[in-house]
Every structure is written in structure tokens, then in C-alpha cells.
Amino acid sequence: MPYIIVPNAYQFLEFMKNVFYATEQAIIPRSEGIIMHGELRIGEAVVMFADTTEEFSPRPAGIFIYVENTDETYKKAMAAGSTSLMKPTQQEYGYTCGFHDPFGNDWWPVQAAK
């Protein structure tokens, strides 16, 4: 399970819901507008996250994750302000893409085999 520390964690939460159809598993606020600890579920995967603080600087990640639809995930990520690292393409390991999100993370979604 990755643990990502980002500025504007509530905006990250909305990005994750929009792009990955993530569902909230736990959101624990520290104070008004600040998330002390959050957990999102994407399929069977869990991504933990929190807001940056004076004690904890940003800790972005590079994440390989299975998705239902690579093309849709890529389009939603681009519309939500991400930067393309690799357009959707077939690789030996599956149909995948790559993007850098507005919070500093690199995502490598690959379409889950059906």
C-alpha cells in the first residue's frame, strides 16, 4: 500500500474519485481543511494519503495500478490537469499509459485482464 503525502489532500481525494473511481475507506481530518490520514479503495487496492504539514513534506510516488479502462482513465487524468508521460499503448504486459498528476505523483495504469 502506498502512503502519499500531498499538498491539498482534499483536492487529491476528488482527483482520485474522478479519475480512478476511488471510494473513501477512511478520512480522518486533522483540522479544518487538512486530512491527517486518508484511505481510498480502487478495486482491491488501497492508497493511503495525508496533507503536507510542517513535520511532513510532500512524498509523491510512482504507482503501477490495474484499472478497468486505460483509455478512460487517461482521458479523465488529462482533463483533471495531469501531464502525459505515455499515451495509451499496448505493451507486453498489457494495455497501459502513464501520467504525472497535479500533486506530483506518476501513475502507470494498466488495463486489468478480463
PDB file of N, CA and C in Angstrom:
ATOM      1  N   MET A   1       0.833  -1.172   0.000  1.00  0.00           N
ATOM      2  CA  MET A   1       0.000   0.000   0.000  1.00  0.00           C
ATOM      3  C   MET A   1       0.885   1.245   0.000  1.00  0.00           C
ATOM      4  N   PRO A   2       0.728   2.108  -0.978  1.00  0.00           N
ATOM      5  CA  PRO A   2       1.494   3.355  -0.928  1.00  0.00           C
ATOM      6  C   PRO A   2       0.900   4.318   0.095  1.00  0.00           C
ATOM      7  N   TYR A   3       1.758   5.165   0.655  1.00  0.00           N
ATOM      8  CA  TYR A   3       1.321   6.243   1.532  1.00  0.00           C
ATOM      9  C   TYR A   3       1.872   7.531   0.935  1.00  0.00           C
ATOM     10  N   ILE A   4       0.972   8.355   0.410  1.00  0.00           N
ATOM     11  CA  ILE A   4       1.341   9.556  -0.319  1.00  0.00           C
ATOM     12  C   ILE A   4       1.031  10.777   0.541  1.00  0.00           C
ATOM     13  N   ILE A   5       1.988  11.700   0.620  1.00  0.00           N
ATOM     14  CA  ILE A   5       1.756  12.960   1.331  1.00  0.00           C
ATOM     15  C   ILE A   5       1.762  14.064   0.283  1.00  0.00           C
ATOM     16  N   VAL A   6       0.646  14.773   0.192  1.00  0.00           N
ATOM     17  CA  VAL A   6       0.456  15.769  -0.858  1.00  0.00           C
ATOM     18  C   VAL A   6      -0.077  17.081  -0.286  1.00  0.00           C
ATOM     19  N   PRO A   7       0.223  18.192  -0.940  1.00  0.00           N
ATOM     20  CA  PRO A   7      -0.472  19.425  -0.577  1.00  0.00           C
ATOM     21  C   PRO A   7      -1.903  19.324  -1.103  1.00  0.00           C
ATOM     22  N   ASN A   8      -2.838  19.925  -0.431  1.00  0.00           N
ATOM     23  CA  ASN A   8      -4.241  19.938  -0.881  1.00  0.00           C
ATOM     24  C   ASN A   8      -4.837  18.541  -0.987  1.00  0.00           C
ATOM     25  N   ALA A   9      -4.785  17.803   0.106  1.00  0.00           N
ATOM     26  CA  ALA A   9      -5.250  16.414   0.106  1.00  0.00           C
ATOM     27  C   ALA A   9      -6.731  16.277  -0.251  1.00  0.00           C
ATOM     28  N   TYR A  10      -7.553  17.264   0.088  1.00  0.00           N
ATOM     29  CA  TYR A  10      -8.969  17.175  -0.308  1.00  0.00           C
ATOM     30  C   TYR A  10      -9.113  17.259  -1.825  1.00  0.00           C
ATOM     31  N   GLN A  11      -8.281  18.060  -2.476  1.00  0.00           N
ATOM     32  CA  GLN A  11      -8.300  18.120  -3.939  1.00  0.00           C
ATOM     33  C   GLN A  11      -7.786  16.801  -4.526  1.00  0.00           C
ATOM     34  N   PHE A  12      -6.763  16.216  -3.899  1.00  0.00           N
ATOM     35  CA  PHE A  12      -6.256  14.902  -4.313  1.00  0.00           C
ATOM     36  C   PHE A  12      -7.369  13.857  -4.203  1.00  0.00           C
ATOM     37  N   LEU A  13      -8.125  13.903  -3.118  1.00  0.00           N
ATOM     38  CA  LEU A  13      -9.251  12.988  -2.913  1.00  0.00           C
ATOM     39  C   LEU A  13     -10.240  13.088  -4.072  1.00  0.00           C
ATOM     40  N   GLU A  14     -10.588  14.292  -4.467  1.00  0.00           N
ATOM     41  CA  GLU A  14     -11.538  14.482  -5.575  1.00  0.00           C
ATOM     42  C   GLU A  14     -10.941  14.010  -6.899  1.00  0.00           C
ATOM     43  N   PHE A  15      -9.653  14.272  -7.114  1.00  0.00           N
ATOM     44  CA  PHE A  15      -8.962  13.788  -8.309  1.00  0.00           C
ATOM     45  C   PHE A  15      -9.060  12.261  -8.377  1.00  0.00           C
ATOM     46  N   MET A  16      -8.773  11.599  -7.297  1.00  0.00           N
ATOM     47  CA  MET A  16      -8.780  10.136  -7.252  1.00  0.00           C
ATOM     48  C   MET A  16     -10.186   9.566  -7.501  1.00  0.00           C
ATOM     49  N   LYS A  17     -11.199  10.226  -6.949  1.00  0.00           N
ATOM     50  CA  LYS A  17     -12.578   9.776  -7.179  1.00  0.00           C
ATOM     51  C   LYS A  17     -12.947   9.931  -8.650  1.00  0.00           C
ATOM     52  N   ASN A  18     -12.565  11.059  -9.244  1.00  0.00           N
ATOM     53  CA  ASN A  18     -12.909  11.350 -10.626  1.00  0.00           C
ATOM     54  C   ASN A  18     -12.150  10.451 -11.608  1.00  0.00           C
ATOM     55  N   VAL A  19     -10.854  10.339 -11.451  1.00  0.00           N
ATOM     56  CA  VAL A  19     -10.021   9.619 -12.415  1.00  0.00           C
ATOM     57  C   VAL A  19     -10.085   8.108 -12.226  1.00  0.00           C
ATOM     58  N   PHE A  20     -10.028   7.647 -10.994  1.00  0.00           N
ATOM     59  CA  PHE A  20      -9.944   6.210 -10.706  1.00  0.00           C
ATOM     60  C   PHE A  20     -11.220   5.604 -10.117  1.00  0.00           C
ATOM     61  N   TYR A  21     -12.278   6.400  -9.964  1.00  0.00           N
ATOM     62  CA  TYR A  21     -13.498   5.940  -9.302  1.00  0.00           C
ATOM     63  C   TYR A  21     -13.200   5.413  -7.891  1.00  0.00           C
ATOM     64  N   ALA A  22     -12.240   6.039  -7.239  1.00  0.00           N
ATOM     65  CA  ALA A  22     -11.867   5.639  -5.882  1.00  0.00           C
ATOM     66  C   ALA A  22     -13.026   5.876  -4.921  1.00  0.00           C
ATOM     67  N   THR A  23     -13.114   5.021  -3.922  1.00  0.00           N
ATOM     68  CA  THR A  23     -14.112   5.192  -2.870  1.00  0.00           C
ATOM     69  C   THR A  23     -13.389   5.431  -1.543  1.00  0.00           C
ATOM     70  N   GLU A  24     -13.988   6.258  -0.714  1.00  0.00           N
ATOM     71  CA  GLU A  24     -13.396   6.563   0.588  1.00  0.00           C
ATOM     72  C   GLU A  24     -13.514   5.360   1.504  1.00  0.00           C
ATOM     73  N   GLN A  25     -12.385   4.994   2.091  1.00  0.00           N
ATOM     74  CA  GLN A  25     -12.381   3.934   3.096  1.00  0.00           C
ATOM     75  C   GLN A  25     -12.250   4.554   4.482  1.00  0.00           C
ATOM     76  N   ALA A  26     -11.466   5.652   4.565  1.00  0.00           N
ATOM     77  CA  ALA A  26     -11.305   6.376   5.832  1.00  0.00           C
ATOM     78  C   ALA A  26     -10.792   7.776   5.524  1.00  0.00           C
ATOM     79  N   ILE A  27     -11.382   8.768   6.160  1.00  0.00           N
ATOM     80  CA  ILE A  27     -10.897  10.147   6.076  1.00  0.00           C
ATOM     81  C   ILE A  27     -10.883  10.683   7.510  1.00  0.00           C
ATOM     82  N   ILE A  28      -9.677  10.983   8.003  1.00  0.00           N
ATOM     83  CA  ILE A  28      -9.520  11.479   9.369  1.00  0.00           C
ATOM     84  C   ILE A  28      -8.928  12.885   9.285  1.00  0.00           C
ATOM     85  N   PRO A  29      -9.759  13.902   9.563  1.00  0.00           N
ATOM     86  CA  PRO A  29      -9.247  15.279   9.490  1.00  0.00           C
ATOM     87  C   PRO A  29      -8.342  15.614  10.680  1.00  0.00           C
ATOM     88  N   ARG A  30      -7.365  16.462  10.420  1.00  0.00           N
ATOM     89  CA  ARG A  30      -6.500  16.979  11.492  1.00  0.00           C
ATOM     90  C   ARG A  30      -7.101  18.274  12.016  1.00  0.00           C
ATOM     91  N   SER A  31      -7.502  19.125  11.088  1.00  0.00           N
ATOM     92  CA  SER A  31      -8.141  20.397  11.396  1.00  0.00           C
ATOM     93  C   SER A  31      -8.948  20.788  10.174  1.00  0.00           C
ATOM     94  N   GLU A  32      -9.569  21.924  10.211  1.00  0.00           N
ATOM     95  CA  GLU A  32     -10.394  22.375   9.089  1.00  0.00           C
ATOM     96  C   GLU A  32      -9.582  22.390   7.793  1.00  0.00           C
ATOM     97  N   GLY A  33     -10.018  21.613   6.817  1.00  0.00           N
ATOM     98  CA  GLY A  33      -9.384  21.601   5.509  1.00  0.00           C
ATOM     99  C   GLY A  33      -8.117  20.782   5.386  1.00  0.00           C
ATOM    100  N   ILE A  34      -7.718  20.094   6.450  1.00  0.00           N
ATOM    101  CA  ILE A  34      -6.480  19.300   6.449  1.00  0.00           C
ATOM    102  C   ILE A  34      -6.812  17.839   6.768  1.00  0.00           C
ATOM    103  N   ILE A  35      -6.324  16.920   5.916  1.00  0.00           N
ATOM    104  CA  ILE A  35      -6.516  15.489   6.164  1.00  0.00           C
ATOM    105  C   ILE A  35      -5.277  14.941   6.857  1.00  0.00           C
ATOM    106  N   MET A  36      -5.459  14.381   8.055  1.00  0.00           N
ATOM    107  CA  MET A  36      -4.371  13.769   8.798  1.00  0.00           C
ATOM    108  C   MET A  36      -4.072  12.382   8.228  1.00  0.00           C
ATOM    109  N   HIS A  37      -5.122  11.655   7.865  1.00  0.00           N
ATOM    110  CA  HIS A  37      -4.959  10.317   7.296  1.00  0.00           C
ATOM    111  C   HIS A  37      -6.178  10.010   6.436  1.00  0.00           C
ATOM    112  N   GLY A  38      -5.910   9.515   5.243  1.00  0.00           N
ATOM    113  CA  GLY A  38      -6.989   9.099   4.360  1.00  0.00           C
ATOM    114  C   GLY A  38      -6.665   7.772   3.716  1.00  0.00           C
ATOM    115  N   GLU A  39      -7.717   7.026   3.398  1.00  0.00           N
ATOM    116  CA  GLU A  39      -7.563   5.765   2.687  1.00  0.00           C
ATOM    117  C   GLU A  39      -8.610   5.711   1.594  1.00  0.00           C
ATOM    118  N   LEU A  40      -8.132   5.384   0.390  1.00  0.00           N
ATOM    119  CA  LEU A  40      -9.011   5.252  -0.764  1.00  0.00           C
ATOM    120  C   LEU A  40      -8.901   3.841  -1.314  1.00  0.00           C
ATOM    121  N   ARG A  41     -10.002   3.309  -1.761  1.00  0.00           N
ATOM    122  CA  ARG A  41     -10.011   1.981  -2.374  1.00  0.00           C
ATOM    123  C   ARG A  41     -10.257   2.146  -3.867  1.00  0.00           C
ATOM    124  N   ILE A  42      -9.389   1.503  -4.657  1.00  0.00           N
ATOM    125  CA  ILE A  42      -9.533   1.433  -6.106  1.00  0.00           C
ATOM    126  C   ILE A  42      -9.528  -0.046  -6.441  1.00  0.00           C
ATOM    127  N   GLY A  43     -10.705  -0.593  -6.740  1.00  0.00           N
ATOM    128  CA  GLY A  43     -10.786  -2.042  -6.924  1.00  0.00           C
ATOM    129  C   GLY A  43     -10.375  -2.719  -5.631  1.00  0.00           C
ATOM    130  N   GLU A  44      -9.355  -3.561  -5.698  1.00  0.00           N
ATOM    131  CA  GLU A  44      -8.860  -4.238  -4.498  1.00  0.00           C
ATOM    132  C   GLU A  44      -7.671  -3.523  -3.860  1.00  0.00           C
ATOM    133  N   ALA A  45      -7.194  -2.457  -4.499  1.00  0.00           N
ATOM    134  CA  ALA A  45      -6.030  -1.723  -3.997  1.00  0.00           C
ATOM    135  C   ALA A  45      -6.455  -0.619  -3.032  1.00  0.00           C
ATOM    136  N   VAL A  46      -5.583  -0.312  -2.086  1.00  0.00           N
ATOM    137  CA  VAL A  46      -5.796   0.791  -1.152  1.00  0.00           C
ATOM    138  C   VAL A  46      -4.630   1.766  -1.289  1.00  0.00           C
ATOM    139  N   VAL A  47      -4.953   3.047  -1.387  1.00  0.00           N
ATOM    140  CA  VAL A  47      -3.953   4.111  -1.410  1.00  0.00           C
ATOM    141  C   VAL A  47      -4.190   4.962  -0.170  1.00  0.00           C
ATOM    142  N   MET A  48      -3.164   5.081   0.670  1.00  0.00           N
ATOM    143  CA  MET A  48      -3.256   5.930   1.852  1.00  0.00           C
ATOM    144  C   MET A  48      -2.613   7.275   1.526  1.00  0.00           C
ATOM    145  N   PHE A  49      -3.112   8.337   2.159  1.00  0.00           N
ATOM    146  CA  PHE A  49      -2.610   9.677   1.864  1.00  0.00           C
ATOM    147  C   PHE A  49      -2.869  10.620   3.020  1.00  0.00           C
ATOM    148  N   ALA A  50      -2.167  11.752   2.990  1.00  0.00           N
ATOM    149  CA  ALA A  50      -2.347  12.793   4.009  1.00  0.00           C
ATOM    150  C   ALA A  50      -1.891  14.113   3.415  1.00  0.00           C
ATOM    151  N   ASP A  51      -2.270  15.191   4.093  1.00  0.00           N
ATOM    152  CA  ASP A  51      -1.811  16.531   3.730  1.00  0.00           C
ATOM    153  C   ASP A  51      -0.381  16.747   4.204  1.00  0.00           C
ATOM    154  N   THR A  52       0.330  17.591   3.472  1.00  0.00           N
ATOM    155  CA  THR A  52       1.634  18.028   3.947  1.00  0.00           C
ATOM    156  C   THR A  52       1.435  18.882   5.205  1.00  0.00           C
ATOM    157  N   THR A  53       2.437  18.892   6.048  1.00  0.00           N
ATOM    158  CA  THR A  53       2.434  19.715   7.254  1.00  0.00           C
ATOM    159  C   THR A  53       3.855  20.237   7.448  1.00  0.00           C
ATOM    160  N   GLU A  54       4.076  20.997   8.507  1.00  0.00           N
ATOM    161  CA  GLU A  54       5.435  21.444   8.818  1.00  0.00           C
ATOM    162  C   GLU A  54       6.334  20.242   9.100  1.00  0.00           C
ATOM    163  N   GLU A  55       5.768  19.186   9.677  1.00  0.00           N
ATOM    164  CA  GLU A  55       6.551  17.994  10.015  1.00  0.00           C
ATOM    165  C   GLU A  55       6.759  17.063   8.820  1.00  0.00           C
ATOM    166  N   PHE A  56       5.815  17.068   7.885  1.00  0.00           N
ATOM    167  CA  PHE A  56       5.849  16.116   6.769  1.00  0.00           C
ATOM    168  C   PHE A  56       5.768  16.838   5.431  1.00  0.00           C
ATOM    169  N   SER A  57       6.882  16.843   4.721  1.00  0.00           N
ATOM    170  CA  SER A  57       6.936  17.465   3.394  1.00  0.00           C
ATOM    171  C   SER A  57       6.287  16.530   2.368  1.00  0.00           C
ATOM    172  N   PRO A  58       6.051  17.016   1.149  1.00  0.00           N
ATOM    173  CA  PRO A  58       5.429  16.155   0.133  1.00  0.00           C
ATOM    174  C   PRO A  58       6.239  14.886  -0.105  1.00  0.00           C
ATOM    175  N   ARG A  59       5.536  13.790  -0.249  1.00  0.00           N
ATOM    176  CA  ARG A  59       6.154  12.488  -0.526  1.00  0.00           C
ATOM    177  C   ARG A  59       5.392  11.846  -1.675  1.00  0.00           C
ATOM    178  N   PRO A  60       5.668  12.292  -2.917  1.00  0.00           N
ATOM    179  CA  PRO A  60       4.971  11.714  -4.061  1.00  0.00           C
ATOM    180  C   PRO A  60       5.451  10.290  -4.337  1.00  0.00           C
ATOM    181  N   ALA A  61       4.755   9.618  -5.240  1.00  0.00           N
ATOM    182  CA  ALA A  61       5.074   8.222  -5.548  1.00  0.00           C
ATOM    183  C   ALA A  61       4.893   7.944  -7.032  1.00  0.00           C
ATOM    184  N   GLY A  62       5.478   6.856  -7.478  1.00  0.00           N
ATOM    185  CA  GLY A  62       5.217   6.297  -8.797  1.00  0.00           C
ATOM    186  C   GLY A  62       4.425   5.026  -8.574  1.00  0.00           C
ATOM    187  N   ILE A  63       3.240   4.938  -9.157  1.00  0.00           N
ATOM    188  CA  ILE A  63       2.337   3.827  -8.841  1.00  0.00           C
ATOM    189  C   ILE A  63       1.869   3.120 -10.099  1.00  0.00           C
ATOM    190  N   PHE A  64       2.038   1.822 -10.124  1.00  0.00           N
ATOM    191  CA  PHE A  64       1.502   0.937 -11.156  1.00  0.00           C
ATOM    192  C   PHE A  64       0.197   0.393 -10.595  1.00  0.00           C
ATOM    193  N   ILE A  65      -0.914   0.559 -11.328  1.00  0.00           N
ATOM    194  CA  ILE A  65      -2.210   0.160 -10.801  1.00  0.00           C
ATOM    195  C   ILE A  65      -3.096  -0.395 -11.908  1.00  0.00           C
ATOM    196  N   TYR A  66      -3.830  -1.439 -11.579  1.00  0.00           N
ATOM    197  CA  TYR A  66      -4.774  -2.025 -12.530  1.00  0.00           C
ATOM    198  C   TYR A  66      -6.058  -1.207 -12.563  1.00  0.00           C
ATOM    199  N   VAL A  67      -6.564  -0.974 -13.780  1.00  0.00           N
ATOM    200  CA  VAL A  67      -7.818  -0.244 -13.973  1.00  0.00           C
ATOM    201  C   VAL A  67      -8.703  -1.022 -14.940  1.00  0.00           C
ATOM    202  N   GLU A  68      -9.977  -0.676 -14.944  1.00  0.00           N
ATOM    203  CA  GLU A  68     -10.921  -1.328 -15.853  1.00  0.00           C
ATOM    204  C   GLU A  68     -10.768  -0.847 -17.290  1.00  0.00           C
ATOM    205  N   ASN A  69     -10.430   0.446 -17.467  1.00  0.00           N
ATOM    206  CA  ASN A  69     -10.386   1.026 -18.798  1.00  0.00           C
ATOM    207  C   ASN A  69      -9.247   2.051 -18.875  1.00  0.00           C
ATOM    208  N   THR A  70      -8.164   1.657 -19.515  1.00  0.00           N
ATOM    209  CA  THR A  70      -6.982   2.515 -19.617  1.00  0.00           C
ATOM    210  C   THR A  70      -7.290   3.813 -20.354  1.00  0.00           C
ATOM    211  N   ASP A  71      -7.999   3.727 -21.490  1.00  0.00           N
ATOM    212  CA  ASP A  71      -8.310   4.925 -22.269  1.00  0.00           C
ATOM    213  C   ASP A  71      -9.103   5.936 -21.450  1.00  0.00           C
ATOM    214  N   GLU A  72     -10.132   5.472 -20.758  1.00  0.00           N
ATOM    215  CA  GLU A  72     -10.971   6.359 -19.955  1.00  0.00           C
ATOM    216  C   GLU A  72     -10.172   6.981 -18.813  1.00  0.00           C
ATOM    217  N   THR A  73      -9.360   6.179 -18.136  1.00  0.00           N
ATOM    218  CA  THR A  73      -8.537   6.691 -17.040  1.00  0.00           C
ATOM    219  C   THR A  73      -7.595   7.781 -17.537  1.00  0.00           C
ATOM    220  N   TYR A  74      -6.953   7.546 -18.663  1.00  0.00           N
ATOM    221  CA  TYR A  74      -6.030   8.519 -19.245  1.00  0.00           C
ATOM    222  C   TYR A  74      -6.759   9.815 -19.600  1.00  0.00           C
ATOM    223  N   LYS A  75      -7.900   9.703 -20.268  1.00  0.00           N
ATOM    224  CA  LYS A  75      -8.667  10.900 -20.655  1.00  0.00           C
ATOM    225  C   LYS A  75      -9.099  11.698 -19.435  1.00  0.00           C
ATOM    226  N   LYS A  76      -9.575  11.024 -18.404  1.00  0.00           N
ATOM    227  CA  LYS A  76     -10.007  11.713 -17.188  1.00  0.00           C
ATOM    228  C   LYS A  76      -8.817  12.387 -16.503  1.00  0.00           C
ATOM    229  N   ALA A  77      -7.678  11.726 -16.486  1.00  0.00           N
ATOM    230  CA  ALA A  77      -6.483  12.295 -15.865  1.00  0.00           C
ATOM    231  C   ALA A  77      -6.024  13.545 -16.612  1.00  0.00           C
ATOM    232  N   MET A  78      -6.052  13.500 -17.935  1.00  0.00           N
ATOM    233  CA  MET A  78      -5.650  14.667 -18.727  1.00  0.00           C
ATOM    234  C   MET A  78      -6.617  15.830 -18.488  1.00  0.00           C
ATOM    235  N   ALA A  79      -7.910  15.538 -18.436  1.00  0.00           N
ATOM    236  CA  ALA A  79      -8.916  16.575 -18.201  1.00  0.00           C
ATOM    237  C   ALA A  79      -8.795  17.175 -16.800  1.00  0.00           C
ATOM    238  N   ALA A  80      -8.229  16.397 -15.857  1.00  0.00           N
ATOM    239  CA  ALA A  80      -8.086  16.859 -14.477  1.00  0.00           C
ATOM    240  C   ALA A  80      -6.729  17.521 -14.216  1.00  0.00           C
ATOM    241  N   GLY A  81      -5.989  17.843 -15.278  1.00  0.00           N
ATOM    242  CA  GLY A  81      -4.761  18.604 -15.113  1.00  0.00           C
ATOM    243  C   GLY A  81      -3.474  17.803 -15.063  1.00  0.00           C
ATOM    244  N   SER A  82      -3.514  16.530 -15.400  1.00  0.00           N
ATOM    245  CA  SER A  82      -2.296  15.720 -15.428  1.00  0.00           C
ATOM    246  C   SER A  82      -1.488  15.992 -16.694  1.00  0.00           C
ATOM    247  N   THR A  83      -0.230  15.589 -16.667  1.00  0.00           N
ATOM    248  CA  THR A  83       0.669  15.695 -17.808  1.00  0.00           C
ATOM    249  C   THR A  83       0.971  14.290 -18.316  1.00  0.00           C
ATOM    250  N   SER A  84       0.884  14.105 -19.615  1.00  0.00           N
ATOM    251  CA  SER A  84       1.113  12.780 -20.189  1.00  0.00           C
ATOM    252  C   SER A  84       2.579  12.365 -20.084  1.00  0.00           C
ATOM    253  N   LEU A  85       2.792  11.129 -19.658  1.00  0.00           N
ATOM    254  CA  LEU A  85       4.116  10.512 -19.687  1.00  0.00           C
ATOM    255  C   LEU A  85       4.183   9.477 -20.811  1.00  0.00           C
ATOM    256  N   MET A  86       3.023   8.861 -21.113  1.00  0.00           N
ATOM    257  CA  MET A  86       2.922   7.891 -22.197  1.00  0.00           C
ATOM    258  C   MET A  86       1.451   7.733 -22.563  1.00  0.00           C
ATOM    259  N   LYS A  87       1.134   7.964 -23.830  1.00  0.00           N
ATOM    260  CA  LYS A  87      -0.245   7.767 -24.278  1.00  0.00           C
ATOM    261  C   LYS A  87      -0.596   6.283 -24.199  1.00  0.00           C
ATOM    262  N   PRO A  88      -1.899   5.955 -24.110  1.00  0.00           N
ATOM    263  CA  PRO A  88      -2.287   4.544 -24.044  1.00  0.00           C
ATOM    264  C   PRO A  88      -1.688   3.747 -25.207  1.00  0.00           C
ATOM    265  N   THR A  89      -1.084   2.640 -24.843  1.00  0.00           N
ATOM    266  CA  THR A  89      -0.418   1.789 -25.819  1.00  0.00           C
ATOM    267  C   THR A  89      -0.366   0.348 -25.332  1.00  0.00           C
ATOM    268  N   GLN A  90      -0.290  -0.570 -26.257  1.00  0.00           N
ATOM    269  CA  GLN A  90      -0.173  -1.982 -25.904  1.00  0.00           C
ATOM    270  C   GLN A  90       1.292  -2.303 -25.621  1.00  0.00           C
ATOM    271  N   GLN A  91       1.547  -2.866 -24.476  1.00  0.00           N
ATOM    272  CA  GLN A  91       2.885  -3.325 -24.094  1.00  0.00           C
ATOM    273  C   GLN A  91       2.828  -4.840 -23.900  1.00  0.00           C
ATOM    274  N   GLU A  92       3.960  -5.467 -23.713  1.00  0.00           N
ATOM    275  CA  GLU A  92       3.997  -6.917 -23.489  1.00  0.00           C
ATOM    276  C   GLU A  92       3.164  -7.320 -22.272  1.00  0.00           C
ATOM    277  N   TYR A  93       3.113  -6.464 -21.281  1.00  0.00           N
ATOM    278  CA  TYR A  93       2.431  -6.769 -20.024  1.00  0.00           C
ATOM    279  C   TYR A  93       0.991  -6.276 -19.976  1.00  0.00           C
ATOM    280  N   GLY A  94       0.515  -5.586 -21.029  1.00  0.00           N
ATOM    281  CA  GLY A  94      -0.870  -5.135 -21.058  1.00  0.00           C
ATOM    282  C   GLY A  94      -1.031  -3.770 -21.704  1.00  0.00           C
ATOM    283  N   TYR A  95      -2.277  -3.338 -21.782  1.00  0.00           N
ATOM    284  CA  TYR A  95      -2.625  -2.045 -22.363  1.00  0.00           C
ATOM    285  C   TYR A  95      -2.483  -0.998 -21.267  1.00  0.00           C
ATOM    286  N   THR A  96      -1.571  -0.046 -21.445  1.00  0.00           N
ATOM    287  CA  THR A  96      -1.187   0.846 -20.365  1.00  0.00           C
ATOM    288  C   THR A  96      -0.978   2.272 -20.841  1.00  0.00           C
ATOM    289  N   CYS A  97      -0.770   3.168 -19.909  1.00  0.00           N
ATOM    290  CA  CYS A  97      -0.443   4.563 -20.178  1.00  0.00           C
ATOM    291  C   CYS A  97       0.325   5.091 -18.972  1.00  0.00           C
ATOM    292  N   GLY A  98       0.732   6.362 -19.036  1.00  0.00           N
ATOM    293  CA  GLY A  98       1.401   6.975 -17.900  1.00  0.00           C
ATOM    294  C   GLY A  98       1.082   8.451 -17.837  1.00  0.00           C
ATOM    295  N   PHE A  99       0.933   8.970 -16.621  1.00  0.00           N
ATOM    296  CA  PHE A  99       0.715  10.405 -16.450  1.00  0.00           C
ATOM    297  C   PHE A  99       1.229  10.874 -15.100  1.00  0.00           C
ATOM    298  N   HIS A 100       1.569  12.158 -15.072  1.00  0.00           N
ATOM    299  CA  HIS A 100       2.041  12.838 -13.862  1.00  0.00           C
ATOM    300  C   HIS A 100       0.870  13.681 -13.361  1.00  0.00           C
ATOM    301  N   ASP A 101       0.389  13.404 -12.158  1.00  0.00           N
ATOM    302  CA  ASP A 101      -0.782  14.129 -11.660  1.00  0.00           C
ATOM    303  C   ASP A 101      -0.410  15.506 -11.112  1.00  0.00           C
ATOM    304  N   PRO A 102      -1.402  16.378 -10.863  1.00  0.00           N
ATOM    305  CA  PRO A 102      -1.119  17.731 -10.372  1.00  0.00           C
ATOM    306  C   PRO A 102      -0.521  17.769  -8.963  1.00  0.00           C
ATOM    307  N   PHE A 103      -0.406  16.605  -8.303  1.00  0.00           N
ATOM    308  CA  PHE A 103       0.078  16.541  -6.926  1.00  0.00           C
ATOM    309  C   PHE A 103       1.495  15.973  -6.839  1.00  0.00           C
ATOM    310  N   GLY A 104       2.101  15.682  -8.007  1.00  0.00           N
ATOM    311  CA  GLY A 104       3.485  15.216  -8.032  1.00  0.00           C
ATOM    312  C   GLY A 104       3.690  13.726  -8.190  1.00  0.00           C
ATOM    313  N   ASN A 105       2.605  12.965  -8.354  1.00  0.00           N
ATOM    314  CA  ASN A 105       2.704  11.514  -8.475  1.00  0.00           C
ATOM    315  C   ASN A 105       2.710  11.071  -9.931  1.00  0.00           C
ATOM    316  N   ASP A 106       3.430   9.988 -10.212  1.00  0.00           N
ATOM    317  CA  ASP A 106       3.406   9.368 -11.528  1.00  0.00           C
ATOM    318  C   ASP A 106       2.558   8.097 -11.438  1.00  0.00           C
ATOM    319  N   TRP A 107       1.622   7.972 -12.378  1.00  0.00           N
ATOM    320  CA  TRP A 107       0.698   6.830 -12.398  1.00  0.00           C
ATOM    321  C   TRP A 107       0.916   6.032 -13.675  1.00  0.00           C
ATOM    322  N   TRP A 108       0.900   4.704 -13.539  1.00  0.00           N
ATOM    323  CA  TRP A 108       1.056   3.786 -14.656  1.00  0.00           C
ATOM    324  C   TRP A 108      -0.096   2.786 -14.627  1.00  0.00           C
ATOM    325  N   PRO A 109      -1.290   3.228 -15.068  1.00  0.00           N
ATOM    326  CA  PRO A 109      -2.437   2.337 -15.090  1.00  0.00           C
ATOM    327  C   PRO A 109      -2.297   1.300 -16.207  1.00  0.00           C
ATOM    328  N   VAL A 110      -2.661   0.083 -15.913  1.00  0.00           N
ATOM    329  CA  VAL A 110      -2.704  -0.967 -16.927  1.00  0.00           C
ATOM    330  C   VAL A 110      -4.082  -1.623 -16.843  1.00  0.00           C
ATOM    331  N   GLN A 111      -4.646  -1.889 -17.998  1.00  0.00           N
ATOM    332  CA  GLN A 111      -5.988  -2.458 -18.042  1.00  0.00           C
ATOM    333  C   GLN A 111      -5.972  -3.879 -17.504  1.00  0.00           C
ATOM    334  N   ALA A 112      -6.837  -4.154 -16.546  1.00  0.00           N
ATOM    335  CA  ALA A 112      -6.921  -5.472 -15.938  1.00  0.00           C
ATOM    336  C   ALA A 112      -7.417  -6.490 -16.958  1.00  0.00           C
ATOM    337  N   ALA A 113      -6.814  -7.653 -16.938  1.00  0.00           N
ATOM    338  CA  ALA A 113      -7.264  -8.733 -17.841  1.00  0.00           C
ATOM    339  C   ALA A 113      -8.646  -9.178 -17.412  1.00  0.00           C
ATOM    340  N   LYS A 114      -9.483  -9.475 -18.406  1.00  0.00           N
ATOM    341  CA  LYS A 114     -10.855  -9.898 -18.090  1.00  0.00           C
ATOM    342  C   LYS A 114     -11.018 -11.380 -18.263  1.00  0.00           C
TER     343      LYS A 114
END
